[in-house]
Amino acid sequence: MREASVELDEAVLEECMRITGVVEYNAVIDLALRELARRGTARRLLALKGAVA
């Protein structure tokens, strides 16, 4: 894992923790980044629909 120092909107961070039930800052940030990557992958796959025979 890579360690990083970032400034985050605490209200957004707390909302994400409340929504997900994740109680650790690092864990909720990791979850959010993984979800962003998953959605990006899904979006790219959908864009290929019909383009590959």
PDB file of N, CA and C in Angstrom:
ATOM      1  N   MET A   1       0.841  -1.186   0.000  1.00  0.00           N
ATOM      2  CA  MET A   1       0.000   0.000   0.000  1.00  0.00           C
ATOM      3  C   MET A   1       0.876   1.235   0.000  1.00  0.00           C
ATOM      4  N   ARG A   2       0.354   2.269  -0.597  1.00  0.00           N
ATOM      5  CA  ARG A   2       1.059   3.536  -0.628  1.00  0.00           C
ATOM      6  C   ARG A   2       0.462   4.454   0.420  1.00  0.00           C
ATOM      7  N   GLU A   3       1.318   5.149   1.126  1.00  0.00           N
ATOM      8  CA  GLU A   3       0.862   6.110   2.125  1.00  0.00           C
ATOM      9  C   GLU A   3       0.824   7.476   1.474  1.00  0.00           C
ATOM     10  N   ALA A   4      -0.250   8.230   1.747  1.00  0.00           N
ATOM     11  CA  ALA A   4      -0.395   9.561   1.159  1.00  0.00           C
ATOM     12  C   ALA A   4      -1.009  10.501   2.180  1.00  0.00           C
ATOM     13  N   SER A   5      -0.628  11.737   2.092  1.00  0.00           N
ATOM     14  CA  SER A   5      -1.215  12.764   2.936  1.00  0.00           C
ATOM     15  C   SER A   5      -2.088  13.643   2.045  1.00  0.00           C
ATOM     16  N   VAL A   6      -3.391  13.640   2.312  1.00  0.00           N
ATOM     17  CA  VAL A   6      -4.332  14.404   1.491  1.00  0.00           C
ATOM     18  C   VAL A   6      -5.286  15.176   2.394  1.00  0.00           C
ATOM     19  N   GLU A   7      -5.811  16.262   1.854  1.00  0.00           N
ATOM     20  CA  GLU A   7      -6.848  17.013   2.563  1.00  0.00           C
ATOM     21  C   GLU A   7      -8.185  16.598   1.992  1.00  0.00           C
ATOM     22  N   LEU A   8      -9.094  16.202   2.870  1.00  0.00           N
ATOM     23  CA  LEU A   8     -10.406  15.723   2.458  1.00  0.00           C
ATOM     24  C   LEU A   8     -11.503  16.551   3.111  1.00  0.00           C
ATOM     25  N   ASP A   9     -12.613  16.651   2.414  1.00  0.00           N
ATOM     26  CA  ASP A   9     -13.788  17.312   2.966  1.00  0.00           C
ATOM     27  C   ASP A   9     -14.337  16.388   4.052  1.00  0.00           C
ATOM     28  N   GLU A  10     -14.222  16.802   5.289  1.00  0.00           N
ATOM     29  CA  GLU A  10     -14.597  15.941   6.405  1.00  0.00           C
ATOM     30  C   GLU A  10     -16.076  15.574   6.388  1.00  0.00           C
ATOM     31  N   ALA A  11     -16.933  16.493   5.933  1.00  0.00           N
ATOM     32  CA  ALA A  11     -18.370  16.198   5.872  1.00  0.00           C
ATOM     33  C   ALA A  11     -18.643  15.078   4.873  1.00  0.00           C
ATOM     34  N   VAL A  12     -17.960  15.101   3.735  1.00  0.00           N
ATOM     35  CA  VAL A  12     -18.138  14.052   2.725  1.00  0.00           C
ATOM     36  C   VAL A  12     -17.596  12.729   3.254  1.00  0.00           C
ATOM     37  N   LEU A  13     -16.455  12.774   3.897  1.00  0.00           N
ATOM     38  CA  LEU A  13     -15.861  11.577   4.475  1.00  0.00           C
ATOM     39  C   LEU A  13     -16.805  10.955   5.514  1.00  0.00           C
ATOM     40  N   GLU A  14     -17.357  11.768   6.393  1.00  0.00           N
ATOM     41  CA  GLU A  14     -18.287  11.276   7.414  1.00  0.00           C
ATOM     42  C   GLU A  14     -19.557  10.709   6.777  1.00  0.00           C
ATOM     43  N   GLU A  15     -20.048  11.357   5.717  1.00  0.00           N
ATOM     44  CA  GLU A  15     -21.251  10.863   5.031  1.00  0.00           C
ATOM     45  C   GLU A  15     -20.977   9.494   4.410  1.00  0.00           C
ATOM     46  N   CYS A  16     -19.824   9.341   3.786  1.00  0.00           N
ATOM     47  CA  CYS A  16     -19.454   8.051   3.190  1.00  0.00           C
ATOM     48  C   CYS A  16     -19.359   6.975   4.256  1.00  0.00           C
ATOM     49  N   MET A  17     -18.814   7.321   5.397  1.00  0.00           N
ATOM     50  CA  MET A  17     -18.697   6.361   6.488  1.00  0.00           C
ATOM     51  C   MET A  17     -20.080   5.976   7.013  1.00  0.00           C
ATOM     52  N   ARG A  18     -20.962   6.945   7.094  1.00  0.00           N
ATOM     53  CA  ARG A  18     -22.323   6.672   7.564  1.00  0.00           C
ATOM     54  C   ARG A  18     -23.060   5.780   6.565  1.00  0.00           C
ATOM     55  N   ILE A  19     -22.950   6.089   5.286  1.00  0.00           N
ATOM     56  CA  ILE A  19     -23.654   5.334   4.245  1.00  0.00           C
ATOM     57  C   ILE A  19     -23.158   3.898   4.163  1.00  0.00           C
ATOM     58  N   THR A  20     -21.852   3.711   4.232  1.00  0.00           N
ATOM     59  CA  THR A  20     -21.272   2.382   4.043  1.00  0.00           C
ATOM     60  C   THR A  20     -21.175   1.569   5.325  1.00  0.00           C
ATOM     61  N   GLY A  21     -21.173   2.241   6.455  1.00  0.00           N
ATOM     62  CA  GLY A  21     -20.975   1.541   7.716  1.00  0.00           C
ATOM     63  C   GLY A  21     -19.509   1.273   8.018  1.00  0.00           C
ATOM     64  N   VAL A  22     -18.615   1.762   7.161  1.00  0.00           N
ATOM     65  CA  VAL A  22     -17.177   1.608   7.368  1.00  0.00           C
ATOM     66  C   VAL A  22     -16.756   2.619   8.428  1.00  0.00           C
ATOM     67  N   VAL A  23     -15.979   2.182   9.410  1.00  0.00           N
ATOM     68  CA  VAL A  23     -15.660   3.056  10.539  1.00  0.00           C
ATOM     69  C   VAL A  23     -14.227   3.599  10.534  1.00  0.00           C
ATOM     70  N   GLU A  24     -13.395   3.114   9.632  1.00  0.00           N
ATOM     71  CA  GLU A  24     -12.015   3.599   9.579  1.00  0.00           C
ATOM     72  C   GLU A  24     -11.825   4.475   8.346  1.00  0.00           C
ATOM     73  N   TYR A  25     -11.132   5.591   8.527  1.00  0.00           N
ATOM     74  CA  TYR A  25     -10.898   6.514   7.420  1.00  0.00           C
ATOM     75  C   TYR A  25     -10.210   5.836   6.248  1.00  0.00           C
ATOM     76  N   ASN A  26      -9.123   5.115   6.516  1.00  0.00           N
ATOM     77  CA  ASN A  26      -8.387   4.469   5.430  1.00  0.00           C
ATOM     78  C   ASN A  26      -9.265   3.492   4.665  1.00  0.00           C
ATOM     79  N   ALA A  27     -10.088   2.750   5.375  1.00  0.00           N
ATOM     80  CA  ALA A  27     -10.942   1.748   4.745  1.00  0.00           C
ATOM     81  C   ALA A  27     -12.002   2.387   3.855  1.00  0.00           C
ATOM     82  N   VAL A  28     -12.591   3.479   4.292  1.00  0.00           N
ATOM     83  CA  VAL A  28     -13.632   4.104   3.472  1.00  0.00           C
ATOM     84  C   VAL A  28     -13.010   4.778   2.241  1.00  0.00           C
ATOM     85  N   ILE A  29     -11.819   5.321   2.368  1.00  0.00           N
ATOM     86  CA  ILE A  29     -11.138   5.908   1.217  1.00  0.00           C
ATOM     87  C   ILE A  29     -10.765   4.812   0.219  1.00  0.00           C
ATOM     88  N   ASP A  30     -10.253   3.677   0.718  1.00  0.00           N
ATOM     89  CA  ASP A  30      -9.918   2.549  -0.144  1.00  0.00           C
ATOM     90  C   ASP A  30     -11.162   2.047  -0.873  1.00  0.00           C
ATOM     91  N   LEU A  31     -12.267   1.904  -0.157  1.00  0.00           N
ATOM     92  CA  LEU A  31     -13.525   1.462  -0.761  1.00  0.00           C
ATOM     93  C   LEU A  31     -13.968   2.427  -1.866  1.00  0.00           C
ATOM     94  N   ALA A  32     -13.894   3.714  -1.603  1.00  0.00           N
ATOM     95  CA  ALA A  32     -14.314   4.708  -2.586  1.00  0.00           C
ATOM     96  C   ALA A  32     -13.450   4.648  -3.843  1.00  0.00           C
ATOM     97  N   LEU A  33     -12.149   4.509  -3.682  1.00  0.00           N
ATOM     98  CA  LEU A  33     -11.254   4.432  -4.841  1.00  0.00           C
ATOM     99  C   LEU A  33     -11.512   3.159  -5.647  1.00  0.00           C
ATOM    100  N   ARG A  34     -11.732   2.047  -4.959  1.00  0.00           N
ATOM    101  CA  ARG A  34     -12.021   0.791  -5.661  1.00  0.00           C
ATOM    102  C   ARG A  34     -13.337   0.889  -6.428  1.00  0.00           C
ATOM    103  N   GLU A  35     -14.336   1.520  -5.840  1.00  0.00           N
ATOM    104  CA  GLU A  35     -15.630   1.686  -6.506  1.00  0.00           C
ATOM    105  C   GLU A  35     -15.492   2.590  -7.729  1.00  0.00           C
ATOM    106  N   LEU A  36     -14.722   3.642  -7.619  1.00  0.00           N
ATOM    107  CA  LEU A  36     -14.479   4.526  -8.760  1.00  0.00           C
ATOM    108  C   LEU A  36     -13.811   3.761  -9.906  1.00  0.00           C
ATOM    109  N   ALA A  37     -12.818   2.945  -9.585  1.00  0.00           N
ATOM    110  CA  ALA A  37     -12.135   2.137 -10.602  1.00  0.00           C
ATOM    111  C   ALA A  37     -13.098   1.127 -11.226  1.00  0.00           C
ATOM    112  N   ARG A  38     -13.933   0.492 -10.404  1.00  0.00           N
ATOM    113  CA  ARG A  38     -14.902  -0.491 -10.906  1.00  0.00           C
ATOM    114  C   ARG A  38     -15.885   0.157 -11.877  1.00  0.00           C
ATOM    115  N   ARG A  39     -16.370   1.324 -11.518  1.00  0.00           N
ATOM    116  CA  ARG A  39     -17.322   2.022 -12.393  1.00  0.00           C
ATOM    117  C   ARG A  39     -16.680   2.454 -13.701  1.00  0.00           C
ATOM    118  N   GLY A  40     -15.433   2.888 -13.630  1.00  0.00           N
ATOM    119  CA  GLY A  40     -14.719   3.264 -14.847  1.00  0.00           C
ATOM    120  C   GLY A  40     -14.543   2.079 -15.773  1.00  0.00           C
ATOM    121  N   THR A  41     -14.219   0.917 -15.208  1.00  0.00           N
ATOM    122  CA  THR A  41     -14.073  -0.301 -15.997  1.00  0.00           C
ATOM    123  C   THR A  41     -15.406  -0.687 -16.621  1.00  0.00           C
ATOM    124  N   ALA A  42     -16.461  -0.633 -15.853  1.00  0.00           N
ATOM    125  CA  ALA A  42     -17.790  -0.978 -16.360  1.00  0.00           C
ATOM    126  C   ALA A  42     -18.194  -0.034 -17.478  1.00  0.00           C
ATOM    127  N   ARG A  43     -17.914   1.239 -17.326  1.00  0.00           N
ATOM    128  CA  ARG A  43     -18.253   2.231 -18.350  1.00  0.00           C
ATOM    129  C   ARG A  43     -17.508   1.929 -19.660  1.00  0.00           C
ATOM    130  N   ARG A  44     -16.220   1.577 -19.546  1.00  0.00           N
ATOM    131  CA  ARG A  44     -15.446   1.250 -20.749  1.00  0.00           C
ATOM    132  C   ARG A  44     -15.975  -0.017 -21.418  1.00  0.00           C
ATOM    133  N   LEU A  45     -16.371  -1.007 -20.636  1.00  0.00           N
ATOM    134  CA  LEU A  45     -16.928  -2.234 -21.204  1.00  0.00           C
ATOM    135  C   LEU A  45     -18.252  -1.961 -21.915  1.00  0.00           C
ATOM    136  N   LEU A  46     -19.087  -1.124 -21.334  1.00  0.00           N
ATOM    137  CA  LEU A  46     -20.351  -0.770 -21.975  1.00  0.00           C
ATOM    138  C   LEU A  46     -20.134  -0.028 -23.284  1.00  0.00           C
ATOM    139  N   ALA A  47     -19.082   0.787 -23.338  1.00  0.00           N
ATOM    140  CA  ALA A  47     -18.769   1.536 -24.555  1.00  0.00           C
ATOM    141  C   ALA A  47     -18.375   0.587 -25.693  1.00  0.00           C
ATOM    142  N   LEU A  48     -17.877  -0.612 -25.357  1.00  0.00           N
ATOM    143  CA  LEU A  48     -17.483  -1.576 -26.369  1.00  0.00           C
ATOM    144  C   LEU A  48     -18.663  -2.382 -26.913  1.00  0.00           C
ATOM    145  N   LYS A  49     -19.792  -2.296 -26.272  1.00  0.00           N
ATOM    146  CA  LYS A  49     -20.963  -3.073 -26.668  1.00  0.00           C
ATOM    147  C   LYS A  49     -21.245  -2.879 -28.157  1.00  0.00           C
ATOM    148  N   GLY A  50     -21.205  -3.960 -28.881  1.00  0.00           N
ATOM    149  CA  GLY A  50     -21.463  -3.901 -30.314  1.00  0.00           C
ATOM    150  C   GLY A  50     -20.232  -3.569 -31.136  1.00  0.00           C
ATOM    151  N   ALA A  51     -19.135  -3.147 -30.494  1.00  0.00           N
ATOM    152  CA  ALA A  51     -17.946  -2.771 -31.234  1.00  0.00           C
ATOM    153  C   ALA A  51     -17.026  -3.972 -31.478  1.00  0.00           C
ATOM    154  N   VAL A  52     -17.216  -5.014 -30.713  1.00  0.00           N
ATOM    155  CA  VAL A  52     -16.371  -6.196 -30.841  1.00  0.00           C
ATOM    156  C   VAL A  52     -17.220  -7.342 -31.368  1.00  0.00           C
ATOM    157  N   ALA A  53     -16.734  -7.967 -32.432  1.00  0.00           N
ATOM    158  CA  ALA A  53     -17.511  -9.070 -33.021  1.00  0.00           C
ATOM    159  C   ALA A  53     -17.047 -10.395 -32.487  1.00  0.00           C
TER     160      ALA A  53
END
